[in-house]
Amino acid sequence: MQELLTAITYPVVWLICSYGLGIESGLAKLLISLTAAILVYVLIGIKLSKKDNK
């Protein structure tokens, strides 16, 4: 589940950057998309870790 949401986040954020925000730079879109995907992965991992500790 965690990997699936991360995989979905990347292209969704890429499209938002392209069409929603109008960012033209491919490098900027890449960095923003990868950061968002990694952030989703980490946040879900933290949430699952806290759930396992209880």
PDB file of N, CA and C in Angstrom:
ATOM      1  N   MET A   1       0.824  -1.186   0.000  1.00  0.00           N
ATOM      2  CA  MET A   1       0.000   0.000   0.000  1.00  0.00           C
ATOM      3  C   MET A   1       0.873   1.256   0.000  1.00  0.00           C
ATOM      4  N   GLN A   2       1.903   1.237   0.827  1.00  0.00           N
ATOM      5  CA  GLN A   2       2.787   2.393   0.950  1.00  0.00           C
ATOM      6  C   GLN A   2       3.477   2.690  -0.379  1.00  0.00           C
ATOM      7  N   GLU A   3       3.955   1.654  -1.045  1.00  0.00           N
ATOM      8  CA  GLU A   3       4.643   1.837  -2.315  1.00  0.00           C
ATOM      9  C   GLU A   3       3.678   2.267  -3.416  1.00  0.00           C
ATOM     10  N   LEU A   4       2.464   1.762  -3.368  1.00  0.00           N
ATOM     11  CA  LEU A   4       1.463   2.122  -4.368  1.00  0.00           C
ATOM     12  C   LEU A   4       1.105   3.604  -4.279  1.00  0.00           C
ATOM     13  N   LEU A   5       0.885   4.087  -3.073  1.00  0.00           N
ATOM     14  CA  LEU A   5       0.580   5.509  -2.908  1.00  0.00           C
ATOM     15  C   LEU A   5       1.747   6.392  -3.335  1.00  0.00           C
ATOM     16  N   THR A   6       2.966   5.934  -3.074  1.00  0.00           N
ATOM     17  CA  THR A   6       4.140   6.680  -3.501  1.00  0.00           C
ATOM     18  C   THR A   6       4.220   6.718  -5.022  1.00  0.00           C
ATOM     19  N   ALA A   7       3.940   5.589  -5.660  1.00  0.00           N
ATOM     20  CA  ALA A   7       3.981   5.526  -7.124  1.00  0.00           C
ATOM     21  C   ALA A   7       2.894   6.393  -7.756  1.00  0.00           C
ATOM     22  N   ILE A   8       1.763   6.504  -7.119  1.00  0.00           N
ATOM     23  CA  ILE A   8       0.673   7.335  -7.638  1.00  0.00           C
ATOM     24  C   ILE A   8       0.958   8.818  -7.404  1.00  0.00           C
ATOM     25  N   THR A   9       1.585   9.124  -6.275  1.00  0.00           N
ATOM     26  CA  THR A   9       1.871  10.514  -5.928  1.00  0.00           C
ATOM     27  C   THR A   9       2.775  11.181  -6.953  1.00  0.00           C
ATOM     28  N   TYR A  10       3.791  10.468  -7.417  1.00  0.00           N
ATOM     29  CA  TYR A  10       4.772  11.063  -8.328  1.00  0.00           C
ATOM     30  C   TYR A  10       4.132  11.633  -9.601  1.00  0.00           C
ATOM     31  N   PRO A  11       3.378  10.840 -10.386  1.00  0.00           N
ATOM     32  CA  PRO A  11       2.809  11.424 -11.614  1.00  0.00           C
ATOM     33  C   PRO A  11       1.717  12.466 -11.342  1.00  0.00           C
ATOM     34  N   VAL A  12       0.985  12.302 -10.236  1.00  0.00           N
ATOM     35  CA  VAL A  12      -0.058  13.275  -9.916  1.00  0.00           C
ATOM     36  C   VAL A  12       0.569  14.643  -9.632  1.00  0.00           C
ATOM     37  N   VAL A  13       1.621  14.667  -8.839  1.00  0.00           N
ATOM     38  CA  VAL A  13       2.289  15.931  -8.528  1.00  0.00           C
ATOM     39  C   VAL A  13       2.951  16.494  -9.782  1.00  0.00           C
ATOM     40  N   TRP A  14       3.498  15.627 -10.628  1.00  0.00           N
ATOM     41  CA  TRP A  14       4.100  16.074 -11.892  1.00  0.00           C
ATOM     42  C   TRP A  14       3.053  16.802 -12.749  1.00  0.00           C
ATOM     43  N   LEU A  15       1.867  16.219 -12.851  1.00  0.00           N
ATOM     44  CA  LEU A  15       0.802  16.844 -13.641  1.00  0.00           C
ATOM     45  C   LEU A  15       0.322  18.152 -13.013  1.00  0.00           C
ATOM     46  N   ILE A  16       0.231  18.173 -11.699  1.00  0.00           N
ATOM     47  CA  ILE A  16      -0.159  19.412 -11.021  1.00  0.00           C
ATOM     48  C   ILE A  16       0.862  20.502 -11.293  1.00  0.00           C
ATOM     49  N   CYS A  17       2.136  20.149 -11.242  1.00  0.00           N
ATOM     50  CA  CYS A  17       3.188  21.135 -11.525  1.00  0.00           C
ATOM     51  C   CYS A  17       3.107  21.615 -12.971  1.00  0.00           C
ATOM     52  N   SER A  18       2.852  20.709 -13.892  1.00  0.00           N
ATOM     53  CA  SER A  18       2.827  21.060 -15.310  1.00  0.00           C
ATOM     54  C   SER A  18       1.631  21.925 -15.675  1.00  0.00           C
ATOM     55  N   TYR A  19       0.443  21.452 -15.317  1.00  0.00           N
ATOM     56  CA  TYR A  19      -0.770  22.121 -15.774  1.00  0.00           C
ATOM     57  C   TYR A  19      -1.369  23.057 -14.738  1.00  0.00           C
ATOM     58  N   GLY A  20      -1.315  22.687 -13.488  1.00  0.00           N
ATOM     59  CA  GLY A  20      -1.912  23.507 -12.447  1.00  0.00           C
ATOM     60  C   GLY A  20      -1.072  24.723 -12.094  1.00  0.00           C
ATOM     61  N   LEU A  21       0.226  24.510 -11.927  1.00  0.00           N
ATOM     62  CA  LEU A  21       1.110  25.595 -11.525  1.00  0.00           C
ATOM     63  C   LEU A  21       1.848  26.223 -12.703  1.00  0.00           C
ATOM     64  N   GLY A  22       1.874  25.526 -13.834  1.00  0.00           N
ATOM     65  CA  GLY A  22       2.523  26.057 -15.031  1.00  0.00           C
ATOM     66  C   GLY A  22       4.038  26.063 -14.967  1.00  0.00           C
ATOM     67  N   ILE A  23       4.630  25.166 -14.214  1.00  0.00           N
ATOM     68  CA  ILE A  23       6.087  25.094 -14.118  1.00  0.00           C
ATOM     69  C   ILE A  23       6.626  24.479 -15.403  1.00  0.00           C
ATOM     70  N   GLU A  24       7.553  25.165 -16.047  1.00  0.00           N
ATOM     71  CA  GLU A  24       8.113  24.706 -17.322  1.00  0.00           C
ATOM     72  C   GLU A  24       9.375  23.864 -17.138  1.00  0.00           C
ATOM     73  N   SER A  25      10.129  24.110 -16.097  1.00  0.00           N
ATOM     74  CA  SER A  25      11.411  23.441 -15.893  1.00  0.00           C
ATOM     75  C   SER A  25      11.206  21.973 -15.528  1.00  0.00           C
ATOM     76  N   GLY A  26      11.811  21.101 -16.309  1.00  0.00           N
ATOM     77  CA  GLY A  26      11.720  19.669 -16.034  1.00  0.00           C
ATOM     78  C   GLY A  26      12.419  19.289 -14.743  1.00  0.00           C
ATOM     79  N   LEU A  27      13.546  19.957 -14.458  1.00  0.00           N
ATOM     80  CA  LEU A  27      14.269  19.669 -13.224  1.00  0.00           C
ATOM     81  C   LEU A  27      13.449  20.060 -12.004  1.00  0.00           C
ATOM     82  N   ALA A  28      12.797  21.199 -12.062  1.00  0.00           N
ATOM     83  CA  ALA A  28      11.962  21.641 -10.941  1.00  0.00           C
ATOM     84  C   ALA A  28      10.810  20.670 -10.716  1.00  0.00           C
ATOM     85  N   LYS A  29      10.165  20.237 -11.799  1.00  0.00           N
ATOM     86  CA  LYS A  29       9.056  19.282 -11.669  1.00  0.00           C
ATOM     87  C   LYS A  29       9.553  17.964 -11.097  1.00  0.00           C
ATOM     88  N   LEU A  30      10.732  17.532 -11.547  1.00  0.00           N
ATOM     89  CA  LEU A  30      11.311  16.292 -11.049  1.00  0.00           C
ATOM     90  C   LEU A  30      11.578  16.376  -9.556  1.00  0.00           C
ATOM     91  N   LEU A  31      12.217  17.453  -9.121  1.00  0.00           N
ATOM     92  CA  LEU A  31      12.552  17.604  -7.705  1.00  0.00           C
ATOM     93  C   LEU A  31      11.310  17.713  -6.839  1.00  0.00           C
ATOM     94  N   ILE A  32      10.323  18.465  -7.278  1.00  0.00           N
ATOM     95  CA  ILE A  32       9.088  18.613  -6.504  1.00  0.00           C
ATOM     96  C   ILE A  32       8.338  17.286  -6.425  1.00  0.00           C
ATOM     97  N   SER A  33       8.251  16.576  -7.541  1.00  0.00           N
ATOM     98  CA  SER A  33       7.531  15.296  -7.575  1.00  0.00           C
ATOM     99  C   SER A  33       8.218  14.244  -6.718  1.00  0.00           C
ATOM    100  N   LEU A  34       9.536  14.156  -6.826  1.00  0.00           N
ATOM    101  CA  LEU A  34      10.261  13.177  -6.019  1.00  0.00           C
ATOM    102  C   LEU A  34      10.175  13.499  -4.536  1.00  0.00           C
ATOM    103  N   THR A  35      10.261  14.776  -4.200  1.00  0.00           N
ATOM    104  CA  THR A  35      10.141  15.173  -2.799  1.00  0.00           C
ATOM    105  C   THR A  35       8.769  14.809  -2.248  1.00  0.00           C
ATOM    106  N   ALA A  36       7.732  15.060  -3.010  1.00  0.00           N
ATOM    107  CA  ALA A  36       6.380  14.721  -2.565  1.00  0.00           C
ATOM    108  C   ALA A  36       6.213  13.214  -2.396  1.00  0.00           C
ATOM    109  N   ALA A  37       6.739  12.440  -3.344  1.00  0.00           N
ATOM    110  CA  ALA A  37       6.623  10.983  -3.261  1.00  0.00           C
ATOM    111  C   ALA A  37       7.382  10.438  -2.050  1.00  0.00           C
ATOM    112  N   ILE A  38       8.578  10.948  -1.802  1.00  0.00           N
ATOM    113  CA  ILE A  38       9.353  10.505  -0.644  1.00  0.00           C
ATOM    114  C   ILE A  38       8.659  10.915   0.643  1.00  0.00           C
ATOM    115  N   LEU A  39       8.089  12.107   0.678  1.00  0.00           N
ATOM    116  CA  LEU A  39       7.377  12.584   1.855  1.00  0.00           C
ATOM    117  C   LEU A  39       6.179  11.690   2.171  1.00  0.00           C
ATOM    118  N   VAL A  40       5.435  11.297   1.161  1.00  0.00           N
ATOM    119  CA  VAL A  40       4.297  10.391   1.363  1.00  0.00           C
ATOM    120  C   VAL A  40       4.779   9.061   1.930  1.00  0.00           C
ATOM    121  N   TYR A  41       5.868   8.537   1.375  1.00  0.00           N
ATOM    122  CA  TYR A  41       6.426   7.263   1.833  1.00  0.00           C
ATOM    123  C   TYR A  41       6.835   7.334   3.297  1.00  0.00           C
ATOM    124  N   VAL A  42       7.528   8.413   3.658  1.00  0.00           N
ATOM    125  CA  VAL A  42       8.001   8.573   5.033  1.00  0.00           C
ATOM    126  C   VAL A  42       6.838   8.770   5.999  1.00  0.00           C
ATOM    127  N   LEU A  43       5.870   9.596   5.632  1.00  0.00           N
ATOM    128  CA  LEU A  43       4.739   9.843   6.523  1.00  0.00           C
ATOM    129  C   LEU A  43       3.922   8.586   6.770  1.00  0.00           C
ATOM    130  N   ILE A  44       3.713   7.784   5.742  1.00  0.00           N
ATOM    131  CA  ILE A  44       2.980   6.530   5.931  1.00  0.00           C
ATOM    132  C   ILE A  44       3.793   5.575   6.800  1.00  0.00           C
ATOM    133  N   GLY A  45       5.107   5.544   6.602  1.00  0.00           N
ATOM    134  CA  GLY A  45       5.973   4.701   7.429  1.00  0.00           C
ATOM    135  C   GLY A  45       5.928   5.098   8.889  1.00  0.00           C
ATOM    136  N   ILE A  46       5.938   6.401   9.161  1.00  0.00           N
ATOM    137  CA  ILE A  46       5.850   6.881  10.540  1.00  0.00           C
ATOM    138  C   ILE A  46       4.505   6.502  11.151  1.00  0.00           C
ATOM    139  N   LYS A  47       3.435   6.671  10.383  1.00  0.00           N
ATOM    140  CA  LYS A  47       2.104   6.335  10.879  1.00  0.00           C
ATOM    141  C   LYS A  47       2.003   4.842  11.198  1.00  0.00           C
ATOM    142  N   LEU A  48       2.531   3.992  10.334  1.00  0.00           N
ATOM    143  CA  LEU A  48       2.484   2.550  10.568  1.00  0.00           C
ATOM    144  C   LEU A  48       3.375   2.162  11.750  1.00  0.00           C
ATOM    145  N   SER A  49       4.490   2.822  11.901  1.00  0.00           N
ATOM    146  CA  SER A  49       5.387   2.545  13.013  1.00  0.00           C
ATOM    147  C   SER A  49       4.737   2.873  14.354  1.00  0.00           C
ATOM    148  N   LYS A  50       4.046   4.006  14.413  1.00  0.00           N
ATOM    149  CA  LYS A  50       3.356   4.370  15.650  1.00  0.00           C
ATOM    150  C   LYS A  50       2.217   3.417  15.950  1.00  0.00           C
ATOM    151  N   LYS A  51       1.552   2.929  14.900  1.00  0.00           N
ATOM    152  CA  LYS A  51       0.444   1.988  15.089  1.00  0.00           C
ATOM    153  C   LYS A  51       0.973   0.658  15.633  1.00  0.00           C
ATOM    154  N   ASP A  52       2.145   0.215  15.154  1.00  0.00           N
ATOM    155  CA  ASP A  52       2.728  -1.046  15.600  1.00  0.00           C
ATOM    156  C   ASP A  52       3.204  -0.987  17.040  1.00  0.00           C
ATOM    157  N   ASN A  53       3.637   0.187  17.488  1.00  0.00           N
ATOM    158  CA  ASN A  53       4.147   0.340  18.854  1.00  0.00           C
ATOM    159  C   ASN A  53       3.042   0.297  19.903  1.00  0.00           C
ATOM    160  N   LYS A  54       1.821   0.594  19.513  1.00  0.00           N
ATOM    161  CA  LYS A  54       0.717   0.622  20.488  1.00  0.00           C
ATOM    162  C   LYS A  54       0.178  -0.716  20.759  1.00  0.00           C
TER     163      LYS A  54
END
